[in-house]
Protein backbone atom coordinates (compact mmCIF):
# COMPACT_ATOMS: atom_id res chain seq x y z
CA UNK A 1 5.03 -10.35 -0.35
CA UNK A 2 2.61 -7.70 0.94
CA UNK A 3 1.79 -4.39 -0.75
CA UNK A 4 4.68 -2.61 0.99
CA UNK A 5 7.39 -4.77 -0.51
CA UNK A 6 10.59 -5.14 1.42
CA UNK A 7 12.25 -1.79 0.79
CA UNK A 8 14.35 -0.60 2.65
CA UNK A 9 14.76 -3.76 4.70
CA UNK A 10 16.33 -6.26 2.34
CA UNK A 11 14.02 -9.13 3.29
CA UNK A 12 10.55 -9.80 4.63
CA UNK A 13 12.10 -11.26 7.80
CA UNK A 14 14.01 -8.04 8.52
CA UNK A 15 10.85 -6.03 7.94
CA UNK A 16 8.84 -8.33 10.23
CA UNK A 17 11.50 -7.94 12.95
CA UNK A 18 11.36 -4.15 12.57
CA UNK A 19 7.55 -4.17 12.78
CA UNK A 20 7.71 -6.34 15.94
CA UNK A 21 10.02 -3.76 17.52
CA UNK A 22 7.61 -0.99 16.47
CA UNK A 23 4.79 -2.75 18.30
CA UNK A 24 6.79 -2.61 21.56
CA UNK A 25 7.94 1.01 21.21
CA UNK A 26 6.62 3.77 23.49
CA UNK A 27 8.33 6.61 21.57
CA UNK A 28 7.62 6.43 18.72
CA UNK A 29 4.10 5.09 19.26
CA UNK A 30 3.21 3.36 16.00
CA UNK A 31 -0.35 3.02 14.73
CA UNK A 32 -1.71 0.99 11.84
CA UNK A 33 -3.87 2.80 9.32
CA UNK A 34 -6.85 0.64 8.43
CA UNK A 35 -9.26 1.16 5.53
CA UNK A 36 -12.63 1.49 7.27
CA UNK A 37 -14.49 -0.09 4.34
CA UNK A 38 -12.35 -3.16 3.65
CA UNK A 39 -10.66 -3.56 7.03
CA UNK A 40 -7.30 -3.84 5.24
CA UNK A 41 -4.22 -2.36 6.83
CA UNK A 42 -3.04 0.24 4.35
CA UNK A 43 -0.28 2.11 6.15
CA UNK A 44 1.30 3.25 9.37
CA UNK A 45 1.85 6.49 11.27
CA UNK A 46 3.40 7.39 14.59
CA UNK A 47 3.56 9.88 17.39
CA UNK A 48 7.20 10.52 18.25
CA UNK A 49 9.49 12.89 20.11
CA UNK A 50 6.79 13.03 22.75
CA UNK A 51 7.54 15.61 25.44
CA UNK A 52 4.59 15.64 27.87
CA UNK A 53 6.14 18.29 30.15
CA UNK A 54 6.29 20.72 27.22
CA UNK A 55 2.93 19.52 25.80
CA UNK A 56 4.43 18.83 22.36
CA UNK A 57 4.89 15.87 20.07
CA UNK A 58 5.63 15.06 16.45
CA UNK A 59 3.76 13.14 13.77
CA UNK A 60 5.99 11.00 11.59
CA UNK A 61 7.01 7.63 10.17
CA UNK A 62 4.11 8.02 7.75
CA UNK A 63 3.87 5.23 5.17
CA UNK A 64 1.01 4.23 2.90
CA UNK A 65 0.56 1.37 0.49
CA UNK A 66 -0.04 2.12 -3.18
CA UNK A 67 -3.78 1.36 -2.91
CA UNK A 68 -4.42 4.46 -0.80
CA UNK A 69 -1.81 6.87 -2.08
CA UNK A 70 -3.46 10.02 -3.48
CA UNK A 71 -6.67 9.29 -1.55
CA UNK A 72 -8.15 10.85 1.59
CA UNK A 73 -6.37 8.27 3.78
CA UNK A 74 -3.47 10.52 4.86
CA UNK A 75 -5.67 13.56 5.42
CA UNK A 76 -8.12 11.63 7.57
CA UNK A 77 -5.38 9.79 9.50
CA UNK A 78 -3.54 13.01 10.29
CA UNK A 79 -6.84 14.72 11.15
CA UNK A 80 -7.62 11.96 13.68
CA UNK A 81 -4.10 12.19 15.15
CA UNK A 82 -4.41 15.97 15.47
CA UNK A 83 -7.82 15.60 17.16
CA UNK A 84 -6.24 13.19 19.65
CA UNK A 85 -3.25 15.48 20.19
CA UNK A 86 -5.10 18.75 20.66
CA UNK A 87 -8.67 17.88 21.67
CA UNK A 88 -8.12 14.79 23.81
CA UNK A 89 -4.57 15.12 25.19
CA UNK A 90 -4.41 18.93 25.34
CA UNK A 91 -1.05 19.30 23.60
CA UNK A 92 0.08 22.84 22.68
CA UNK A 93 2.30 22.03 19.71
CA UNK A 94 2.46 19.32 17.08
CA UNK A 95 5.51 19.08 14.84
CA UNK A 96 6.15 17.64 11.38
CA UNK A 97 9.72 17.14 10.19
CA UNK A 98 10.99 15.74 6.93
CA UNK A 99 13.99 15.61 4.67
CA UNK A 100 14.23 19.06 3.08
CA UNK A 101 14.47 17.28 -0.30
CA UNK A 102 11.15 15.48 0.24
CA UNK A 103 8.85 17.79 -1.73
CA UNK A 104 5.80 15.53 -1.25
CA UNK A 105 6.10 15.55 2.54
CA UNK A 106 6.70 19.29 2.63
CA UNK A 107 3.63 19.89 0.44
CA UNK A 108 1.56 17.56 2.63
CA UNK A 109 2.57 19.45 5.79
CA UNK A 110 1.58 22.80 4.28
CA UNK A 111 -1.63 21.37 2.82
CA UNK A 112 -2.60 20.01 6.26
CA UNK A 113 -2.12 23.41 7.90
CA UNK A 114 1.35 23.11 9.41
CA UNK A 115 3.48 26.27 9.33
CA UNK A 116 6.98 26.07 7.88
CA UNK A 117 9.54 27.07 10.52
CA UNK A 118 12.79 26.62 8.66
CA UNK A 119 15.58 24.25 7.69
CA UNK A 120 17.90 22.62 10.19
CA UNK A 121 21.01 22.37 8.04
CA UNK A 122 23.09 19.19 8.29
CA UNK A 123 20.68 17.97 10.95
CA UNK A 124 21.34 14.28 10.34
CA UNK A 125 23.57 11.92 8.43
CA UNK A 126 21.17 9.75 6.45
CA UNK A 127 22.08 7.13 3.87
CA UNK A 128 25.65 8.42 3.86
CA UNK A 129 24.79 12.06 3.17
CA UNK A 130 24.07 15.21 5.14
CA UNK A 131 20.33 15.61 5.57
CA UNK A 132 18.82 19.02 5.96
CA UNK A 133 15.52 18.78 7.84
CA UNK A 134 12.48 20.95 7.14
CA UNK A 135 10.55 21.77 10.34
CA UNK A 136 6.84 22.52 10.48
CA UNK A 137 4.50 23.08 13.42
CA UNK A 138 0.89 23.54 14.33
CA UNK A 139 -0.16 25.26 17.56
CA UNK A 140 -3.23 24.76 19.69
CA UNK A 141 -4.33 28.36 18.98
CA UNK A 142 -4.39 27.52 15.23
CA UNK A 143 -6.06 24.13 15.55
CA UNK A 144 -9.77 25.04 15.58
CA UNK A 145 -9.58 26.88 12.24
CA UNK A 146 -7.44 24.16 10.66
CA UNK A 147 -9.78 21.51 12.07
CA UNK A 148 -12.77 23.22 10.44
CA UNK A 149 -10.89 23.42 7.13
CA UNK A 150 -9.98 19.73 7.20
CA UNK A 151 -13.54 18.74 8.16
CA UNK A 152 -14.93 20.85 5.34
CA UNK A 153 -12.52 19.25 2.87
CA UNK A 154 -13.08 15.69 4.12
CA UNK A 155 -16.80 15.68 4.79
CA UNK A 156 -18.44 18.55 2.87
CA UNK A 157 -16.43 18.61 -0.35
CA UNK A 158 -18.66 16.45 -2.52
CA UNK A 159 -17.83 18.30 -5.74
CA UNK A 160 -14.08 18.07 -5.05
CA UNK A 161 -13.51 21.74 -5.88
CA UNK A 162 -12.34 22.92 -2.47
CA UNK A 163 -8.56 22.93 -2.06
CA UNK A 164 -7.32 22.16 1.44
CA UNK A 165 -4.08 23.97 0.62
CA UNK A 166 -6.05 27.12 -0.22
CA UNK A 167 -8.31 26.79 2.84
CA UNK A 168 -5.29 26.53 5.15
CA UNK A 169 -3.37 29.32 3.37
CA UNK A 170 -5.97 31.93 4.34
């Protein structure tokens, strides 16, 4: 079994079938996260809810294996996706949505510079319960400052004392 296990799929075969469907999808567009040193695949991310006419999309389906959790992997992956979204594709708005009960995802969104927009109450039925969804966004007008903050944190933070949450809160 690989580092991801089989949760929530029930078997490796079901997970493999799901991954094969992901590879064919055009919305969401799934990407593998690869460790640039080892070449190992360590996670996955996606662009989804892509609305080219409105110049907006969402980042989601973010999963990482245990070997890269609590490392720079998520920050750098999201940074690269934001660069693609804003700098290359010219999008105006990037969204981040998560279960309102998912404190780690909500903290990650804020840390990365997304602005909290509110809770969509009873947005979905998920695992047999009502799911409230927390919505976050980042706008093109905010991107350059956030981009500088992320670059400072990723590439100039050798002593580890700079907090990305604090940089993006100002």
